[in-house]
Every structure is written in structure tokens, then in C-alpha cells.
Amino acid sequence: MTRTDPRRGAVLVAVLWSISLLAALAMAASVTFRSFTGVMGVDRHRVERDALITAGLEMAAGEILNGATALRDLELTVNLTTGSVRARLNDEGGRIDITKAPAEVLAALLRSVGAPPATAESAARALVEQRGTSNEQRGTSNEQRGTSNPARRTPVPVPAPVVATTHEQALAAIGQIAGMRAQWLAALAPLTTIYGSETVNPLTAPRGVIAALPGVDGGRLDAFLAERRNPSTDATRLGQMLGPAQAYLAAKPQRIAGVDLIAAMKEGPGAAARAVIAVLPQDSEPYRVLIFSPMPAAGLR
């Protein structure tokens, strides 16, 4: 009778356990590798999308620096090996700055989007008062500070300026004014900015901005737009065509632009973004991104 060495059974069990362990490790390594490959693919697509968006911003900055073309719905496209990006530029100086425009311009703007005259006037006054820079406040303050009797000098409370860091915040502040309606705010959005000045650039202003200026009727507006299509026209001539409204116009260098970006990938999903960029003289940076907001690709056309 042959006796079986019990150590042989122990060795066999150890070998079987080792094989099972190696198989499990191989399976885990395979799954991990596939997951890592997937992550790398996702990261690659993201990097390529970011590169396209950056290329669009740099193309837009170059056009601002060039300054030869009016930035009014100007569309540019750049093609790379990974896809393409389309940029649409608009000069922020061609819009009405709701943090700087005078009250009469704000009132006319509100009337142009449907606000009744009384509501438009009161809302415009409220906006100017929020800044703490109205002429009436300045006059009262100077008069009281200039009195000859120091004992009669009393501090004049000046409201703290409402500082909006985004266009949306500035519009939201208008929405808090009594009597304002959501549809008026929606109509104001494409006509306004917080990156402009007290005046509007007539060379880049959208039709709706010119139409909203005080004293501009349909006849003046059509004549103005027809003349602006003439490549040889100048800002002075354009301003004169608008009569009294020329007081609210001034041609100035295009330094800040809103940029709508749509990136189309050859592989993977595309991307869209809305940005405001500035190209400033003597700046240490070629351009600065003031606002950058990713958007759904379907949100920009």
C-alpha cells in the first residue's frame, strides 16, 4: 500500500491559491488599466478643448490690438488639428454702461425696452443715486463743506457706490428697483455693459443702443445706420446725424470686448464660453480675461 506524503497536498493547495491570486491580480490590473486609459482619454479631450478656447481668446486679443476693424458682431475662425473655434467679438464701449451713463440716457434706455416714462425716470434717478455720484449730491455736499462757519459744517451722508463685478450683478441691481419687470431686464442685457464709459462709441454701437439714445427717432436712426456702412465715414459725421444725441457719443479705442466662443472637436464633445477680455496699452500681459463663463454649447450660436 502506497502512502501519500501529506506535504504534497499542502504544496498543491499553495500552488492553487497562488494561481488564483495571480489571476485576480491580473484581472484587477486589466480593469485598472482600462479605467486609466479612459481617464487619459477624457483628460486629453479636455486639454484639447481648453487649447481651442485659448486659441480663440488669443485670436480675439490680436484683433483688438490690430484695431483696424469695428468690433461689431465680428466673427473669426481658427482651425487646428484637433478642431476649430469660432469667436464673435463686440466692443463693450459700444454699449450703454449702466454704472456710468447719465440719468437721461438710462431713462431713455428704459423707455426703449417698454418701461413707462414715469417708471423709467424714477428708476434712472435711483440708479444714479446708488452710485453716490449724482450732480445734486455733489452740489449739496460742496455747499455744506464750503460754509464759512466750521461749527455749521455737518457731514453729508453719501451712499456707498454699488460696485458690480459682473454685468449680471448690475442687471440684478436694476431688478431690485420698484416697478422693474423681468422682460425689461432681458431686453436691457444685449444693450448694456459695465466695461464702458459715460459715452457710447458710434462706430461699434448696436442698432438698439443708438435707437435708445435720447432724441433719436426712426428717420435719424436709419440715416445713421446707412451712413455707418460707408467705409469712408467718420465718427464726427455720424454723431452730427443724430442731432442732440451726439452729446452721448464719442469714438474711442477698442480696448475691451465681449467674446463668444464655440469650439468644435474632431473627437469628443465641443465647448462654448463667454468672456470679456481687455487689451491695455503698456500692460505687462498681452491681454487680460476679466470675465470667463463656460456655457452650454447650444447656448451660443
C-alpha atoms as a PDB file:
ATOM      1  CA  MET A   1       0.000   0.000   0.000  1.00  0.00           C
ATOM      2  CA  THR A   2       1.429   3.306  -1.130  1.00  0.00           C
ATOM      3  CA  ARG A   3       1.365   6.117   1.379  1.00  0.00           C
ATOM      4  CA  THR A   4       0.789   9.718   0.179  1.00  0.00           C
ATOM      5  CA  ASP A   5       3.068  12.353   1.568  1.00  0.00           C
ATOM      6  CA  PRO A   6       0.777  14.986   3.237  1.00  0.00           C
ATOM      7  CA  ARG A   7       3.232  17.704   2.309  1.00  0.00           C
ATOM      8  CA  ARG A   8       2.393  17.169  -1.359  1.00  0.00           C
ATOM      9  CA  GLY A   9      -1.239  18.124  -0.668  1.00  0.00           C
ATOM     10  CA  ALA A  10      -0.176  21.268   1.146  1.00  0.00           C
ATOM     11  CA  VAL A  11       2.071  22.266  -1.746  1.00  0.00           C
ATOM     12  CA  LEU A  12      -0.756  21.663  -4.233  1.00  0.00           C
ATOM     13  CA  VAL A  13      -3.137  23.838  -2.226  1.00  0.00           C
ATOM     14  CA  ALA A  14      -0.496  26.575  -2.032  1.00  0.00           C
ATOM     15  CA  VAL A  15       0.058  26.439  -5.789  1.00  0.00           C
ATOM     16  CA  LEU A  16      -3.696  26.630  -6.480  1.00  0.00           C
ATOM     17  CA  TRP A  17      -4.061  29.620  -4.138  1.00  0.00           C
ATOM     18  CA  SER A  18      -1.117  31.333  -5.855  1.00  0.00           C
ATOM     19  CA  ILE A  19      -2.663  30.785  -9.272  1.00  0.00           C
ATOM     20  CA  SER A  20      -5.991  32.201  -8.071  1.00  0.00           C
ATOM     21  CA  LEU A  21      -4.282  35.206  -6.534  1.00  0.00           C
ATOM     22  CA  LEU A  22      -2.310  35.913  -9.695  1.00  0.00           C
ATOM     23  CA  ALA A  23      -5.473  35.629 -11.786  1.00  0.00           C
ATOM     24  CA  ALA A  24      -7.279  38.076  -9.506  1.00  0.00           C
ATOM     25  CA  LEU A  25      -4.359  40.493  -9.667  1.00  0.00           C
ATOM     26  CA  ALA A  26      -4.245  40.217 -13.453  1.00  0.00           C
ATOM     27  CA  MET A  27      -7.976  40.949 -13.688  1.00  0.00           C
ATOM     28  CA  ALA A  28      -7.671  43.916 -11.339  1.00  0.00           C
ATOM     29  CA  ALA A  29      -4.713  45.246 -13.316  1.00  0.00           C
ATOM     30  CA  SER A  30      -6.680  44.889 -16.553  1.00  0.00           C
ATOM     31  CA  VAL A  31      -9.659  46.800 -15.142  1.00  0.00           C
ATOM     32  CA  THR A  32      -7.385  49.484 -13.679  1.00  0.00           C
ATOM     33  CA  PHE A  33      -5.550  49.887 -16.982  1.00  0.00           C
ATOM     34  CA  ARG A  34      -8.819  50.220 -18.893  1.00  0.00           C
ATOM     35  CA  SER A  35     -10.029  52.822 -16.366  1.00  0.00           C
ATOM     36  CA  PHE A  36      -6.727  54.691 -16.578  1.00  0.00           C
ATOM     37  CA  THR A  37      -6.906  54.648 -20.367  1.00  0.00           C
ATOM     38  CA  GLY A  38     -10.437  56.055 -20.189  1.00  0.00           C
ATOM     39  CA  VAL A  39      -9.362  58.815 -17.801  1.00  0.00           C
ATOM     40  CA  MET A  40      -6.431  59.669 -20.042  1.00  0.00           C
ATOM     41  CA  GLY A  41      -8.814  59.906 -22.993  1.00  0.00           C
ATOM     42  CA  VAL A  42     -11.139  62.238 -21.099  1.00  0.00           C
ATOM     43  CA  ASP A  43      -8.219  64.389 -19.952  1.00  0.00           C
ATOM     44  CA  ARG A  44      -6.843  64.568 -23.482  1.00  0.00           C
ATOM     45  CA  HIS A  45     -10.184  65.807 -24.824  1.00  0.00           C
ATOM     46  CA  ARG A  46     -10.428  68.375 -22.057  1.00  0.00           C
ATOM     47  CA  VAL A  47      -6.917  69.670 -22.744  1.00  0.00           C
ATOM     48  CA  GLU A  48      -7.686  69.909 -26.460  1.00  0.00           C
ATOM     49  CA  ARG A  49     -10.932  71.805 -25.777  1.00  0.00           C
ATOM     50  CA  ASP A  50      -9.125  74.207 -23.450  1.00  0.00           C
ATOM     51  CA  ALA A  51      -6.465  74.757 -26.103  1.00  0.00           C
ATOM     52  CA  LEU A  52      -9.107  75.636 -28.682  1.00  0.00           C
ATOM     53  CA  ILE A  53     -10.821  78.106 -26.341  1.00  0.00           C
ATOM     54  CA  THR A  54      -7.455  79.696 -25.527  1.00  0.00           C
ATOM     55  CA  ALA A  55      -6.671  79.961 -29.233  1.00  0.00           C
ATOM     56  CA  GLY A  56      -9.986  81.753 -29.711  1.00  0.00           C
ATOM     57  CA  LEU A  57      -9.192  84.234 -26.944  1.00  0.00           C
ATOM     58  CA  GLU A  58      -5.745  84.934 -28.353  1.00  0.00           C
ATOM     59  CA  MET A  59      -7.197  85.426 -31.837  1.00  0.00           C
ATOM     60  CA  ALA A  60      -9.727  87.885 -30.366  1.00  0.00           C
ATOM     61  CA  ALA A  61      -6.986  89.748 -28.476  1.00  0.00           C
ATOM     62  CA  GLY A  62      -4.976  90.062 -31.675  1.00  0.00           C
ATOM     63  CA  GLU A  63      -7.956  91.599 -33.451  1.00  0.00           C
ATOM     64  CA  ILE A  64      -8.472  94.106 -30.621  1.00  0.00           C
ATOM     65  CA  LEU A  65      -4.785  95.026 -30.741  1.00  0.00           C
ATOM     66  CA  ASN A  66      -4.966  95.455 -34.504  1.00  0.00           C
ATOM     67  CA  GLY A  67      -7.808  97.957 -34.097  1.00  0.00           C
ATOM     68  CA  ALA A  68      -8.462  98.203 -37.836  1.00  0.00           C
ATOM     69  CA  THR A  69     -11.956  96.688 -37.801  1.00  0.00           C
ATOM     70  CA  ALA A  70     -15.023  97.791 -35.891  1.00  0.00           C
ATOM     71  CA  LEU A  71     -15.794  95.110 -33.311  1.00  0.00           C
ATOM     72  CA  ARG A  72     -19.492  94.820 -34.029  1.00  0.00           C
ATOM     73  CA  ASP A  73     -20.628  91.203 -34.373  1.00  0.00           C
ATOM     74  CA  LEU A  74     -17.239  90.445 -35.905  1.00  0.00           C
ATOM     75  CA  GLU A  75     -16.763  86.703 -36.431  1.00  0.00           C
ATOM     76  CA  LEU A  76     -13.388  84.977 -36.667  1.00  0.00           C
ATOM     77  CA  THR A  77     -12.488  81.293 -37.014  1.00  0.00           C
ATOM     78  CA  VAL A  78      -9.256  79.412 -36.380  1.00  0.00           C
ATOM     79  CA  ASN A  79      -8.667  75.784 -37.383  1.00  0.00           C
ATOM     80  CA  LEU A  80      -6.284  73.462 -35.552  1.00  0.00           C
ATOM     81  CA  THR A  81      -5.509  69.783 -35.987  1.00  0.00           C
ATOM     82  CA  THR A  82      -7.814  68.903 -33.088  1.00  0.00           C
ATOM     83  CA  GLY A  83     -10.773  71.023 -34.211  1.00  0.00           C
ATOM     84  CA  SER A  84     -11.847  74.603 -34.759  1.00  0.00           C
ATOM     85  CA  VAL A  85     -13.028  77.541 -32.689  1.00  0.00           C
ATOM     86  CA  ARG A  86     -15.281  80.400 -33.732  1.00  0.00           C
ATOM     87  CA  ALA A  87     -15.173  83.745 -31.917  1.00  0.00           C
ATOM     88  CA  ARG A  88     -17.711  86.568 -32.146  1.00  0.00           C
ATOM     89  CA  LEU A  89     -16.458  89.948 -30.872  1.00  0.00           C
ATOM     90  CA  ASN A  90     -18.341  93.037 -29.739  1.00  0.00           C
ATOM     91  CA  ASP A  91     -16.804  96.227 -28.414  1.00  0.00           C
ATOM     92  CA  GLU A  92     -18.006  96.833 -24.863  1.00  0.00           C
ATOM     93  CA  GLY A  93     -17.546 100.563 -25.485  1.00  0.00           C
ATOM     94  CA  GLY A  94     -20.392 100.427 -27.982  1.00  0.00           C
ATOM     95  CA  ARG A  95     -22.914  99.617 -25.262  1.00  0.00           C
ATOM     96  CA  ILE A  96     -24.511 101.766 -22.590  1.00  0.00           C
ATOM     97  CA  ASP A  97     -22.630 101.465 -19.308  1.00  0.00           C
ATOM     98  CA  ILE A  98     -25.299 101.221 -16.626  1.00  0.00           C
ATOM     99  CA  THR A  99     -22.753 102.146 -13.947  1.00  0.00           C
ATOM    100  CA  LYS A 100     -21.597 105.364 -15.661  1.00  0.00           C
ATOM    101  CA  ALA A 101     -24.219 106.628 -18.139  1.00  0.00           C
ATOM    102  CA  PRO A 102     -26.098 109.834 -17.214  1.00  0.00           C
ATOM    103  CA  ALA A 103     -29.653 109.642 -15.907  1.00  0.00           C
ATOM    104  CA  GLU A 104     -31.232 110.909 -19.135  1.00  0.00           C
ATOM    105  CA  VAL A 105     -29.587 108.119 -21.116  1.00  0.00           C
ATOM    106  CA  LEU A 106     -30.676 105.490 -18.598  1.00  0.00           C
ATOM    107  CA  ALA A 107     -34.243 106.804 -18.670  1.00  0.00           C
ATOM    108  CA  ALA A 108     -34.339 106.765 -22.476  1.00  0.00           C
ATOM    109  CA  LEU A 109     -32.873 103.253 -22.448  1.00  0.00           C
ATOM    110  CA  LEU A 110     -35.575 102.008 -20.081  1.00  0.00           C
ATOM    111  CA  ARG A 111     -38.299 103.625 -22.185  1.00  0.00           C
ATOM    112  CA  SER A 112     -36.891 101.897 -25.265  1.00  0.00           C
ATOM    113  CA  VAL A 113     -37.429  98.457 -23.697  1.00  0.00           C
ATOM    114  CA  GLY A 114     -41.016  99.182 -22.674  1.00  0.00           C
ATOM    115  CA  ALA A 115     -40.896 100.915 -19.304  1.00  0.00           C
ATOM    116  CA  PRO A 116     -43.490 103.697 -18.893  1.00  0.00           C
ATOM    117  CA  PRO A 117     -41.967 107.198 -18.777  1.00  0.00           C
ATOM    118  CA  ALA A 118     -42.636 107.700 -15.049  1.00  0.00           C
ATOM    119  CA  THR A 119     -41.102 104.338 -14.159  1.00  0.00           C
ATOM    120  CA  ALA A 120     -38.122 104.947 -16.446  1.00  0.00           C
ATOM    121  CA  GLU A 121     -37.414 108.346 -14.899  1.00  0.00           C
ATOM    122  CA  SER A 122     -37.645 107.140 -11.300  1.00  0.00           C
ATOM    123  CA  ALA A 123     -35.537 104.052 -11.998  1.00  0.00           C
ATOM    124  CA  ALA A 124     -32.855 106.142 -13.716  1.00  0.00           C
ATOM    125  CA  ARG A 125     -32.698 108.505 -10.745  1.00  0.00           C
ATOM    126  CA  ALA A 126     -32.449 105.556  -8.365  1.00  0.00           C
ATOM    127  CA  LEU A 127     -29.552 104.096 -10.343  1.00  0.00           C
ATOM    128  CA  VAL A 128     -27.613 107.346 -10.292  1.00  0.00           C
ATOM    129  CA  GLU A 129     -28.281 107.823  -6.586  1.00  0.00           C
ATOM    130  CA  GLN A 130     -26.962 104.327  -5.900  1.00  0.00           C
ATOM    131  CA  ARG A 131     -23.608 105.350  -7.340  1.00  0.00           C
ATOM    132  CA  GLY A 132     -23.299 108.214  -4.871  1.00  0.00           C
ATOM    133  CA  THR A 133     -22.086 110.471  -7.706  1.00  0.00           C
ATOM    134  CA  SER A 134     -25.132 112.412  -8.853  1.00  0.00           C
ATOM    135  CA  ASN A 135     -24.672 116.133  -9.552  1.00  0.00           C
ATOM    136  CA  GLU A 136     -27.292 117.014  -6.941  1.00  0.00           C
ATOM    137  CA  GLN A 137     -25.415 115.121  -4.227  1.00  0.00           C
ATOM    138  CA  ARG A 138     -22.146 116.745  -5.220  1.00  0.00           C
ATOM    139  CA  GLY A 139     -23.663 120.224  -5.213  1.00  0.00           C
ATOM    140  CA  THR A 140     -25.219 119.806  -1.778  1.00  0.00           C
ATOM    141  CA  SER A 141     -22.032 118.341  -0.375  1.00  0.00           C
ATOM    142  CA  ASN A 142     -19.827 121.134  -1.739  1.00  0.00           C
ATOM    143  CA  GLU A 143     -22.200 123.841  -0.500  1.00  0.00           C
ATOM    144  CA  GLN A 144     -22.221 122.481   3.038  1.00  0.00           C
ATOM    145  CA  ARG A 145     -18.484 121.892   3.131  1.00  0.00           C
ATOM    146  CA  GLY A 146     -17.817 125.417   1.866  1.00  0.00           C
ATOM    147  CA  THR A 147     -19.716 127.270   4.589  1.00  0.00           C
ATOM    148  CA  SER A 148     -17.628 129.893   6.421  1.00  0.00           C
ATOM    149  CA  ASN A 149     -18.605 128.715   9.901  1.00  0.00           C
ATOM    150  CA  PRO A 150     -16.813 125.463  10.754  1.00  0.00           C
ATOM    151  CA  ALA A 151     -19.331 124.795  13.513  1.00  0.00           C
ATOM    152  CA  ARG A 152     -22.112 124.608  10.939  1.00  0.00           C
ATOM    153  CA  ARG A 153     -20.320 122.032   8.845  1.00  0.00           C
ATOM    154  CA  THR A 154     -22.143 118.759   9.074  1.00  0.00           C
ATOM    155  CA  PRO A 155     -21.094 115.553   7.371  1.00  0.00           C
ATOM    156  CA  VAL A 156     -23.186 114.783   4.325  1.00  0.00           C
ATOM    157  CA  PRO A 157     -24.102 111.112   4.102  1.00  0.00           C
ATOM    158  CA  VAL A 158     -23.141 109.846   0.683  1.00  0.00           C
ATOM    159  CA  PRO A 159     -24.473 106.426  -0.303  1.00  0.00           C
ATOM    160  CA  ALA A 160     -21.795 103.849  -0.895  1.00  0.00           C
ATOM    161  CA  PRO A 161     -21.404 103.131  -4.609  1.00  0.00           C
ATOM    162  CA  VAL A 162     -22.940  99.912  -5.819  1.00  0.00           C
ATOM    163  CA  VAL A 163     -19.995  98.021  -7.292  1.00  0.00           C
ATOM    164  CA  ALA A 164     -20.990  95.264  -9.673  1.00  0.00           C
ATOM    165  CA  THR A 165     -18.268  92.827 -10.607  1.00  0.00           C
ATOM    166  CA  THR A 166     -20.309  91.294 -13.419  1.00  0.00           C
ATOM    167  CA  HIS A 167     -22.865  92.514 -15.898  1.00  0.00           C
ATOM    168  CA  GLU A 168     -25.381  90.096 -14.419  1.00  0.00           C
ATOM    169  CA  GLN A 169     -24.954  91.629 -10.961  1.00  0.00           C
ATOM    170  CA  ALA A 170     -25.525  95.109 -12.361  1.00  0.00           C
ATOM    171  CA  LEU A 171     -28.723  93.971 -14.060  1.00  0.00           C
ATOM    172  CA  ALA A 172     -29.839  92.260 -10.862  1.00  0.00           C
ATOM    173  CA  ALA A 173     -29.390  95.577  -9.015  1.00  0.00           C
ATOM    174  CA  ILE A 174     -31.697  97.229 -11.545  1.00  0.00           C
ATOM    175  CA  GLY A 175     -34.187  94.431 -10.991  1.00  0.00           C
ATOM    176  CA  GLN A 176     -34.411  95.390  -7.303  1.00  0.00           C
ATOM    177  CA  ILE A 177     -35.784  98.825  -8.180  1.00  0.00           C
ATOM    178  CA  ALA A 178     -39.514  99.104  -7.588  1.00  0.00           C
ATOM    179  CA  GLY A 179     -41.613  98.634 -10.697  1.00  0.00           C
ATOM    180  CA  MET A 180     -38.999  96.867 -12.798  1.00  0.00           C
ATOM    181  CA  ARG A 181     -40.084  93.857 -14.843  1.00  0.00           C
ATOM    182  CA  ALA A 182     -38.189  90.772 -15.899  1.00  0.00           C
ATOM    183  CA  GLN A 183     -38.869  91.300 -19.614  1.00  0.00           C
ATOM    184  CA  TRP A 184     -37.322  94.766 -19.466  1.00  0.00           C
ATOM    185  CA  LEU A 185     -34.188  93.382 -17.856  1.00  0.00           C
ATOM    186  CA  ALA A 186     -33.924  90.708 -20.538  1.00  0.00           C
ATOM    187  CA  ALA A 187     -34.181  93.395 -23.226  1.00  0.00           C
ATOM    188  CA  LEU A 188     -31.533  95.520 -21.475  1.00  0.00           C
ATOM    189  CA  ALA A 189     -28.928  92.744 -21.388  1.00  0.00           C
ATOM    190  CA  PRO A 190     -27.640  92.971 -25.009  1.00  0.00           C
ATOM    191  CA  LEU A 191     -27.620  96.790 -24.919  1.00  0.00           C
ATOM    192  CA  THR A 192     -25.681  97.361 -21.712  1.00  0.00           C
ATOM    193  CA  THR A 193     -22.313  96.756 -20.090  1.00  0.00           C
ATOM    194  CA  ILE A 194     -20.236  97.620 -17.028  1.00  0.00           C
ATOM    195  CA  TYR A 195     -17.000  97.980 -19.016  1.00  0.00           C
ATOM    196  CA  GLY A 196     -17.791 101.133 -20.985  1.00  0.00           C
ATOM    197  CA  SER A 197     -17.841 104.834 -20.157  1.00  0.00           C
ATOM    198  CA  GLU A 198     -20.230 107.783 -19.917  1.00  0.00           C
ATOM    199  CA  THR A 199     -20.459 107.858 -23.722  1.00  0.00           C
ATOM    200  CA  VAL A 200     -21.061 105.292 -26.446  1.00  0.00           C
ATOM    201  CA  ASN A 201     -18.802 104.514 -29.399  1.00  0.00           C
ATOM    202  CA  PRO A 202     -20.926 105.253 -32.509  1.00  0.00           C
ATOM    203  CA  LEU A 203     -18.729 103.059 -34.710  1.00  0.00           C
ATOM    204  CA  THR A 204     -19.479  99.890 -32.746  1.00  0.00           C
ATOM    205  CA  ALA A 205     -22.835 100.508 -31.057  1.00  0.00           C
ATOM    206  CA  PRO A 206     -25.596  98.020 -31.922  1.00  0.00           C
ATOM    207  CA  ARG A 207     -28.735  99.352 -33.575  1.00  0.00           C
ATOM    208  CA  GLY A 208     -30.705  99.012 -30.335  1.00  0.00           C
ATOM    209  CA  VAL A 209     -28.210 101.170 -28.442  1.00  0.00           C
ATOM    210  CA  ILE A 210     -28.401 104.027 -30.961  1.00  0.00           C
ATOM    211  CA  ALA A 211     -32.193 103.765 -31.045  1.00  0.00           C
ATOM    212  CA  ALA A 212     -32.296 104.074 -27.241  1.00  0.00           C
ATOM    213  CA  LEU A 213     -30.369 107.360 -27.053  1.00  0.00           C
ATOM    214  CA  PRO A 214     -32.398 110.469 -26.172  1.00  0.00           C
ATOM    215  CA  GLY A 215     -33.847 112.264 -29.198  1.00  0.00           C
ATOM    216  CA  VAL A 216     -33.162 109.548 -31.784  1.00  0.00           C
ATOM    217  CA  ASP A 217     -36.191 108.859 -33.982  1.00  0.00           C
ATOM    218  CA  GLY A 218     -36.648 106.330 -36.757  1.00  0.00           C
ATOM    219  CA  GLY A 219     -35.535 108.693 -39.521  1.00  0.00           C
ATOM    220  CA  ARG A 220     -32.306 109.674 -37.802  1.00  0.00           C
ATOM    221  CA  LEU A 221     -31.600 106.062 -36.914  1.00  0.00           C
ATOM    222  CA  ASP A 222     -31.989 104.747 -40.483  1.00  0.00           C
ATOM    223  CA  ALA A 223     -29.856 107.560 -41.917  1.00  0.00           C
ATOM    224  CA  PHE A 224     -27.181 106.926 -39.292  1.00  0.00           C
ATOM    225  CA  LEU A 225     -27.031 103.187 -39.991  1.00  0.00           C
ATOM    226  CA  ALA A 226     -26.891 103.735 -43.745  1.00  0.00           C
ATOM    227  CA  GLU A 227     -24.022 106.211 -43.385  1.00  0.00           C
ATOM    228  CA  ARG A 228     -22.137 103.907 -40.992  1.00  0.00           C
ATOM    229  CA  ARG A 229     -21.994 101.244 -43.691  1.00  0.00           C
ATOM    230  CA  ASN A 230     -19.897 103.656 -45.736  1.00  0.00           C
ATOM    231  CA  PRO A 231     -16.239 102.678 -45.137  1.00  0.00           C
ATOM    232  CA  SER A 232     -15.044 106.261 -45.527  1.00  0.00           C
ATOM    233  CA  THR A 233     -17.351 107.804 -42.931  1.00  0.00           C
ATOM    234  CA  ASP A 234     -16.023 109.113 -39.631  1.00  0.00           C
ATOM    235  CA  ALA A 235     -17.367 109.317 -36.092  1.00  0.00           C
ATOM    236  CA  THR A 236     -17.851 113.094 -36.203  1.00  0.00           C
ATOM    237  CA  ARG A 237     -20.072 112.872 -39.252  1.00  0.00           C
ATOM    238  CA  LEU A 238     -22.052 110.048 -37.704  1.00  0.00           C
ATOM    239  CA  GLY A 239     -22.588 111.931 -34.469  1.00  0.00           C
ATOM    240  CA  GLN A 240     -23.872 115.008 -36.269  1.00  0.00           C
ATOM    241  CA  MET A 241     -26.521 112.910 -37.973  1.00  0.00           C
ATOM    242  CA  LEU A 242     -28.071 112.107 -34.593  1.00  0.00           C
ATOM    243  CA  GLY A 243     -28.582 115.713 -33.569  1.00  0.00           C
ATOM    244  CA  PRO A 244     -28.726 116.264 -29.793  1.00  0.00           C
ATOM    245  CA  ALA A 245     -27.849 112.602 -29.172  1.00  0.00           C
ATOM    246  CA  GLN A 246     -24.293 113.268 -30.329  1.00  0.00           C
ATOM    247  CA  ALA A 247     -23.613 114.575 -26.812  1.00  0.00           C
ATOM    248  CA  TYR A 248     -23.717 110.952 -25.654  1.00  0.00           C
ATOM    249  CA  LEU A 249     -21.335 109.637 -28.336  1.00  0.00           C
ATOM    250  CA  ALA A 250     -17.550 109.513 -28.532  1.00  0.00           C
ATOM    251  CA  ALA A 251     -15.297 107.392 -30.717  1.00  0.00           C
ATOM    252  CA  LYS A 252     -12.578 105.780 -28.654  1.00  0.00           C
ATOM    253  CA  PRO A 253     -10.053 102.949 -28.963  1.00  0.00           C
ATOM    254  CA  GLN A 254     -11.494  99.476 -28.729  1.00  0.00           C
ATOM    255  CA  ARG A 255      -9.802  98.071 -25.642  1.00  0.00           C
ATOM    256  CA  ILE A 256     -12.397  95.786 -24.041  1.00  0.00           C
ATOM    257  CA  ALA A 257     -14.515  93.298 -25.955  1.00  0.00           C
ATOM    258  CA  GLY A 258     -17.078  90.667 -25.208  1.00  0.00           C
ATOM    259  CA  VAL A 259     -16.159  87.378 -26.884  1.00  0.00           C
ATOM    260  CA  ASP A 260     -18.497  84.451 -27.551  1.00  0.00           C
ATOM    261  CA  LEU A 261     -16.539  81.249 -28.225  1.00  0.00           C
ATOM    262  CA  ILE A 262     -17.674  77.950 -29.727  1.00  0.00           C
ATOM    263  CA  ALA A 263     -15.134  75.116 -30.041  1.00  0.00           C
ATOM    264  CA  ALA A 264     -15.875  72.104 -32.286  1.00  0.00           C
ATOM    265  CA  MET A 265     -13.750  69.000 -31.695  1.00  0.00           C
ATOM    266  CA  LYS A 266     -12.789  66.403 -34.285  1.00  0.00           C
ATOM    267  CA  GLU A 267     -13.032  63.853 -31.464  1.00  0.00           C
ATOM    268  CA  GLY A 268     -15.120  64.298 -28.357  1.00  0.00           C
ATOM    269  CA  PRO A 269     -17.738  66.871 -27.349  1.00  0.00           C
ATOM    270  CA  GLY A 270     -17.287  70.565 -28.097  1.00  0.00           C
ATOM    271  CA  ALA A 271     -17.368  73.504 -25.723  1.00  0.00           C
ATOM    272  CA  ALA A 272     -18.618  77.081 -25.527  1.00  0.00           C
ATOM    273  CA  ALA A 273     -17.801  80.067 -23.343  1.00  0.00           C
ATOM    274  CA  ARG A 274     -18.495  83.749 -22.962  1.00  0.00           C
ATOM    275  CA  ALA A 275     -15.652  86.052 -21.945  1.00  0.00           C
ATOM    276  CA  VAL A 276     -14.742  89.708 -21.589  1.00  0.00           C
ATOM    277  CA  ILE A 277     -11.120  90.474 -22.395  1.00  0.00           C
ATOM    278  CA  ALA A 278      -9.064  93.669 -22.212  1.00  0.00           C
ATOM    279  CA  VAL A 279      -6.030  94.692 -24.261  1.00  0.00           C
ATOM    280  CA  LEU A 280      -4.492  97.657 -22.452  1.00  0.00           C
ATOM    281  CA  PRO A 281      -1.577  99.845 -23.547  1.00  0.00           C
ATOM    282  CA  GLN A 282       1.704  99.376 -21.709  1.00  0.00           C
ATOM    283  CA  ASP A 283       0.307  96.337 -19.900  1.00  0.00           C
ATOM    284  CA  SER A 284       2.615  93.568 -18.722  1.00  0.00           C
ATOM    285  CA  GLU A 285       0.229  90.961 -20.155  1.00  0.00           C
ATOM    286  CA  PRO A 286      -0.757  90.670 -23.830  1.00  0.00           C
ATOM    287  CA  TYR A 287      -4.396  90.571 -22.745  1.00  0.00           C
ATOM    288  CA  ARG A 288      -6.422  90.085 -19.601  1.00  0.00           C
ATOM    289  CA  VAL A 289      -9.513  87.959 -19.110  1.00  0.00           C
ATOM    290  CA  LEU A 290     -11.931  89.993 -16.984  1.00  0.00           C
ATOM    291  CA  ILE A 291     -14.807  87.516 -17.052  1.00  0.00           C
ATOM    292  CA  PHE A 292     -14.908  83.901 -18.247  1.00  0.00           C
ATOM    293  CA  SER A 293     -18.099  81.842 -18.114  1.00  0.00           C
ATOM    294  CA  PRO A 294     -18.392  78.341 -19.619  1.00  0.00           C
ATOM    295  CA  MET A 295     -21.674  77.967 -21.493  1.00  0.00           C
ATOM    296  CA  PRO A 296     -23.688  75.067 -22.888  1.00  0.00           C
ATOM    297  CA  ALA A 297     -22.604  74.600 -26.489  1.00  0.00           C
ATOM    298  CA  ALA A 298     -26.221  75.091 -27.568  1.00  0.00           C
ATOM    299  CA  GLY A 299     -26.384  78.383 -25.667  1.00  0.00           C
ATOM    300  CA  LEU A 300     -24.214  80.237 -28.181  1.00  0.00           C
ATOM    301  CA  ARG A 301     -24.879  80.324 -31.911  1.00  0.00           C
END
